[in-house]
Amino acid sequence: MRRWRKFWHLVTDDNLFLHLVETLERLVAKVLALAMVVVILVALMDLASFLFNDLFLKDPAGFFTTSLIKIFGLFLNVLVAIEILQNITAYLRKHAIQLELVIVTSLTAVARKIIIYDSKETGADLTGLALASISLAISYWIVRSMHPHEND
């Protein structure tokens, strides 16, 4: 019975409950940050392995045998992963989602898709990417214009 009262007090006391939820949020963010570091390291090893194989193990040595589009895609994978990690660590620092950083990360991801876009895909795909780019650019402009003093 005593445990039940303690549990009931934990659930009904707003301050205690909010503290518990905040602690859980921080723990989840830390686990996500660690997982993102692993993803970044694996993506970096994949990029390094791909570059080494393409430059030194295939003929002609010293030249890219694969299109630069694939190489740019691998670079941008790492960049997007780093930006996602920055989103997570910014949340841990300020305990708030930074909308501007999220929009910039989204813009980078859409730009990556545009850069590696296969011209054999349908025009609807390209139209969707264009609309996403325009929407994100307008969103970024709105957020920046609301906070003009933050020029970092």
C-alpha atoms as a PDB file:
ATOM      1  CA  MET A   1       0.000   0.000   0.000  1.00  0.00           C
ATOM      2  CA  ARG A   2       2.847   2.347   0.823  1.00  0.00           C
ATOM      3  CA  ARG A   3       4.431   1.846  -2.592  1.00  0.00           C
ATOM      4  CA  TRP A   4       1.123   2.580  -4.237  1.00  0.00           C
ATOM      5  CA  ARG A   5       0.876   5.900  -2.376  1.00  0.00           C
ATOM      6  CA  LYS A   6       4.415   6.794  -3.351  1.00  0.00           C
ATOM      7  CA  PHE A   7       3.690   5.992  -6.985  1.00  0.00           C
ATOM      8  CA  TRP A   8       0.412   7.932  -6.855  1.00  0.00           C
ATOM      9  CA  HIS A   9       2.238  10.925  -5.357  1.00  0.00           C
ATOM     10  CA  LEU A  10       4.816  10.742  -8.149  1.00  0.00           C
ATOM     11  CA  VAL A  11       2.109  10.765 -10.805  1.00  0.00           C
ATOM     12  CA  THR A  12      -0.103  13.437  -9.259  1.00  0.00           C
ATOM     13  CA  ASP A  13       2.579  15.884  -8.119  1.00  0.00           C
ATOM     14  CA  ASP A  14       3.123  18.073 -11.190  1.00  0.00           C
ATOM     15  CA  ASN A  15       6.605  19.290 -10.300  1.00  0.00           C
ATOM     16  CA  LEU A  16       7.870  15.817  -9.519  1.00  0.00           C
ATOM     17  CA  PHE A  17       6.295  14.399 -12.667  1.00  0.00           C
ATOM     18  CA  LEU A  18       7.716  17.159 -14.881  1.00  0.00           C
ATOM     19  CA  HIS A  19      11.152  16.623 -13.354  1.00  0.00           C
ATOM     20  CA  LEU A  20      10.898  12.912 -14.139  1.00  0.00           C
ATOM     21  CA  VAL A  21       9.854  13.626 -17.746  1.00  0.00           C
ATOM     22  CA  GLU A  22      12.680  16.176 -18.173  1.00  0.00           C
ATOM     23  CA  THR A  23      15.217  13.683 -16.844  1.00  0.00           C
ATOM     24  CA  LEU A  24      13.936  11.072 -19.282  1.00  0.00           C
ATOM     25  CA  GLU A  25      14.148  13.571 -22.177  1.00  0.00           C
ATOM     26  CA  ARG A  26      17.786  14.341 -21.340  1.00  0.00           C
ATOM     27  CA  LEU A  27      18.638  10.654 -21.123  1.00  0.00           C
ATOM     28  CA  VAL A  28      17.019   9.948 -24.500  1.00  0.00           C
ATOM     29  CA  ALA A  29      18.847  12.919 -26.070  1.00  0.00           C
ATOM     30  CA  LYS A  30      22.174  11.645 -24.729  1.00  0.00           C
ATOM     31  CA  VAL A  31      21.532   8.145 -26.084  1.00  0.00           C
ATOM     32  CA  LEU A  32      20.591   9.661 -29.459  1.00  0.00           C
ATOM     33  CA  ALA A  33      23.774  11.757 -29.456  1.00  0.00           C
ATOM     34  CA  LEU A  34      25.916   8.689 -28.793  1.00  0.00           C
ATOM     35  CA  ALA A  35      24.103   6.756 -31.516  1.00  0.00           C
ATOM     36  CA  MET A  36      24.631   9.664 -33.921  1.00  0.00           C
ATOM     37  CA  VAL A  37      28.372   9.676 -33.167  1.00  0.00           C
ATOM     38  CA  VAL A  38      28.466   5.989 -34.120  1.00  0.00           C
ATOM     39  CA  VAL A  39      26.531   6.739 -37.326  1.00  0.00           C
ATOM     40  CA  ILE A  40      28.966   9.549 -38.195  1.00  0.00           C
ATOM     41  CA  LEU A  41      31.997   7.343 -37.606  1.00  0.00           C
ATOM     42  CA  VAL A  42      30.559   4.530 -39.732  1.00  0.00           C
ATOM     43  CA  ALA A  43      29.619   6.975 -42.526  1.00  0.00           C
ATOM     44  CA  LEU A  44      33.115   8.474 -42.368  1.00  0.00           C
ATOM     45  CA  MET A  45      34.720   5.025 -42.599  1.00  0.00           C
ATOM     46  CA  ASP A  46      32.429   4.227 -45.544  1.00  0.00           C
ATOM     47  CA  LEU A  47      33.479   7.441 -47.285  1.00  0.00           C
ATOM     48  CA  ALA A  48      37.195   6.850 -46.609  1.00  0.00           C
ATOM     49  CA  SER A  49      36.964   3.237 -47.806  1.00  0.00           C
ATOM     50  CA  PHE A  50      35.093   4.261 -50.941  1.00  0.00           C
ATOM     51  CA  LEU A  51      37.604   7.019 -51.770  1.00  0.00           C
ATOM     52  CA  PHE A  52      40.605   4.772 -51.125  1.00  0.00           C
ATOM     53  CA  ASN A  53      39.203   1.961 -53.278  1.00  0.00           C
ATOM     54  CA  ASP A  54      38.176   4.291 -56.073  1.00  0.00           C
ATOM     55  CA  LEU A  55      41.426   6.270 -56.151  1.00  0.00           C
ATOM     56  CA  PHE A  56      44.076   3.634 -55.521  1.00  0.00           C
ATOM     57  CA  LEU A  57      42.724   0.158 -56.224  1.00  0.00           C
ATOM     58  CA  LYS A  58      40.939   0.697 -59.532  1.00  0.00           C
ATOM     59  CA  ASP A  59      42.470   1.506 -62.886  1.00  0.00           C
ATOM     60  CA  PRO A  60      43.460   4.146 -63.768  1.00  0.00           C
ATOM     61  CA  ALA A  61      45.058   4.811 -60.380  1.00  0.00           C
ATOM     62  CA  GLY A  62      44.725   8.358 -59.095  1.00  0.00           C
ATOM     63  CA  PHE A  63      41.507   9.092 -60.976  1.00  0.00           C
ATOM     64  CA  PHE A  64      37.907   8.726 -59.939  1.00  0.00           C
ATOM     65  CA  THR A  65      36.237   5.865 -61.758  1.00  0.00           C
ATOM     66  CA  THR A  66      32.892   6.606 -60.134  1.00  0.00           C
ATOM     67  CA  SER A  67      30.873   9.696 -60.821  1.00  0.00           C
ATOM     68  CA  LEU A  68      31.480  12.619 -58.528  1.00  0.00           C
ATOM     69  CA  ILE A  69      27.762  12.649 -57.763  1.00  0.00           C
ATOM     70  CA  LYS A  70      28.116   9.442 -55.730  1.00  0.00           C
ATOM     71  CA  ILE A  71      31.141  10.862 -53.897  1.00  0.00           C
ATOM     72  CA  PHE A  72      29.293  14.118 -53.158  1.00  0.00           C
ATOM     73  CA  GLY A  73      26.375  12.064 -51.842  1.00  0.00           C
ATOM     74  CA  LEU A  74      28.666  10.263 -49.390  1.00  0.00           C
ATOM     75  CA  PHE A  75      30.174  13.572 -48.239  1.00  0.00           C
ATOM     76  CA  LEU A  76      26.750  15.094 -47.746  1.00  0.00           C
ATOM     77  CA  ASN A  77      25.609  12.028 -45.774  1.00  0.00           C
ATOM     78  CA  VAL A  78      28.338  12.789 -43.242  1.00  0.00           C
ATOM     79  CA  LEU A  79      27.465  16.496 -43.254  1.00  0.00           C
ATOM     80  CA  VAL A  80      23.757  15.866 -42.618  1.00  0.00           C
ATOM     81  CA  ALA A  81      24.632  13.437 -39.813  1.00  0.00           C
ATOM     82  CA  ILE A  82      26.877  16.086 -38.201  1.00  0.00           C
ATOM     83  CA  GLU A  83      24.077  18.642 -38.429  1.00  0.00           C
ATOM     84  CA  ILE A  84      21.648  16.221 -36.784  1.00  0.00           C
ATOM     85  CA  LEU A  85      24.192  15.722 -33.991  1.00  0.00           C
ATOM     86  CA  GLN A  86      24.390  19.518 -33.643  1.00  0.00           C
ATOM     87  CA  ASN A  87      20.595  19.602 -33.284  1.00  0.00           C
ATOM     88  CA  ILE A  88      20.753  17.044 -30.489  1.00  0.00           C
ATOM     89  CA  THR A  89      23.620  18.736 -28.643  1.00  0.00           C
ATOM     90  CA  ALA A  90      21.932  22.155 -29.008  1.00  0.00           C
ATOM     91  CA  TYR A  91      18.861  20.640 -27.372  1.00  0.00           C
ATOM     92  CA  LEU A  92      20.996  19.316 -24.523  1.00  0.00           C
ATOM     93  CA  ARG A  93      22.601  22.758 -24.034  1.00  0.00           C
ATOM     94  CA  LYS A  94      19.500  24.932 -24.176  1.00  0.00           C
ATOM     95  CA  HIS A  95      16.722  22.406 -23.430  1.00  0.00           C
ATOM     96  CA  ALA A  96      14.762  23.705 -26.406  1.00  0.00           C
ATOM     97  CA  ILE A  97      14.454  22.807 -30.062  1.00  0.00           C
ATOM     98  CA  GLN A  98      16.266  25.388 -32.171  1.00  0.00           C
ATOM     99  CA  LEU A  99      14.004  25.858 -35.154  1.00  0.00           C
ATOM    100  CA  GLU A 100      16.597  27.653 -37.273  1.00  0.00           C
ATOM    101  CA  LEU A 101      19.073  24.781 -36.910  1.00  0.00           C
ATOM    102  CA  VAL A 102      16.387  22.226 -37.782  1.00  0.00           C
ATOM    103  CA  ILE A 103      15.449  24.168 -40.926  1.00  0.00           C
ATOM    104  CA  VAL A 104      19.092  24.457 -42.011  1.00  0.00           C
ATOM    105  CA  THR A 105      19.557  20.719 -41.504  1.00  0.00           C
ATOM    106  CA  SER A 106      16.453  20.064 -43.587  1.00  0.00           C
ATOM    107  CA  LEU A 107      17.709  22.395 -46.317  1.00  0.00           C
ATOM    108  CA  THR A 108      21.007  20.519 -46.395  1.00  0.00           C
ATOM    109  CA  ALA A 109      19.196  17.182 -46.681  1.00  0.00           C
ATOM    110  CA  VAL A 110      17.028  18.465 -49.549  1.00  0.00           C
ATOM    111  CA  ALA A 111      20.100  19.963 -51.243  1.00  0.00           C
ATOM    112  CA  ARG A 112      21.785  16.567 -50.968  1.00  0.00           C
ATOM    113  CA  LYS A 113      18.824  14.960 -52.718  1.00  0.00           C
ATOM    114  CA  ILE A 114      18.954  17.584 -55.462  1.00  0.00           C
ATOM    115  CA  ILE A 115      22.715  17.136 -55.953  1.00  0.00           C
ATOM    116  CA  ILE A 116      22.468  13.363 -56.295  1.00  0.00           C
ATOM    117  CA  TYR A 117      19.193  13.554 -58.261  1.00  0.00           C
ATOM    118  CA  ASP A 118      18.935  10.942 -60.995  1.00  0.00           C
ATOM    119  CA  SER A 119      17.594  12.549 -64.158  1.00  0.00           C
ATOM    120  CA  LYS A 120      15.794   9.292 -64.991  1.00  0.00           C
ATOM    121  CA  GLU A 121      13.354   9.824 -62.117  1.00  0.00           C
ATOM    122  CA  THR A 122       9.966  11.402 -62.686  1.00  0.00           C
ATOM    123  CA  GLY A 123       9.403  15.129 -62.894  1.00  0.00           C
ATOM    124  CA  ALA A 124       7.107  14.893 -59.872  1.00  0.00           C
ATOM    125  CA  ASP A 125      10.125  14.024 -57.720  1.00  0.00           C
ATOM    126  CA  LEU A 126      11.966  17.112 -58.883  1.00  0.00           C
ATOM    127  CA  THR A 127       8.871  19.256 -58.375  1.00  0.00           C
ATOM    128  CA  GLY A 128       8.547  17.964 -54.833  1.00  0.00           C
ATOM    129  CA  LEU A 129      12.191  18.750 -54.110  1.00  0.00           C
ATOM    130  CA  ALA A 130      11.748  22.243 -55.562  1.00  0.00           C
ATOM    131  CA  LEU A 131       8.680  22.891 -53.409  1.00  0.00           C
ATOM    132  CA  ALA A 132      10.479  21.586 -50.337  1.00  0.00           C
ATOM    133  CA  SER A 133      13.457  23.849 -51.065  1.00  0.00           C
ATOM    134  CA  ILE A 134      11.279  26.917 -51.535  1.00  0.00           C
ATOM    135  CA  SER A 135       9.200  26.163 -48.432  1.00  0.00           C
ATOM    136  CA  LEU A 136      12.275  25.630 -46.278  1.00  0.00           C
ATOM    137  CA  ALA A 137      13.964  28.762 -47.644  1.00  0.00           C
ATOM    138  CA  ILE A 138      10.878  30.845 -46.851  1.00  0.00           C
ATOM    139  CA  SER A 139      10.676  29.254 -43.384  1.00  0.00           C
ATOM    140  CA  TYR A 140      14.332  30.055 -42.769  1.00  0.00           C
ATOM    141  CA  TRP A 141      13.821  33.659 -43.901  1.00  0.00           C
ATOM    142  CA  ILE A 142      10.821  34.043 -41.552  1.00  0.00           C
ATOM    143  CA  VAL A 143      12.703  32.604 -38.578  1.00  0.00           C
ATOM    144  CA  ARG A 144      15.789  34.750 -39.293  1.00  0.00           C
ATOM    145  CA  SER A 145      13.723  37.904 -39.705  1.00  0.00           C
ATOM    146  CA  MET A 146      12.104  37.294 -36.307  1.00  0.00           C
ATOM    147  CA  HIS A 147      15.571  37.204 -34.660  1.00  0.00           C
ATOM    148  CA  PRO A 148      17.737  39.699 -36.580  1.00  0.00           C
ATOM    149  CA  HIS A 149      20.081  40.356 -33.641  1.00  0.00           C
ATOM    150  CA  GLU A 150      21.448  36.795 -33.653  1.00  0.00           C
ATOM    151  CA  ASN A 151      24.086  37.000 -36.407  1.00  0.00           C
ATOM    152  CA  ASP A 152      26.314  34.124 -35.295  1.00  0.00           C
END
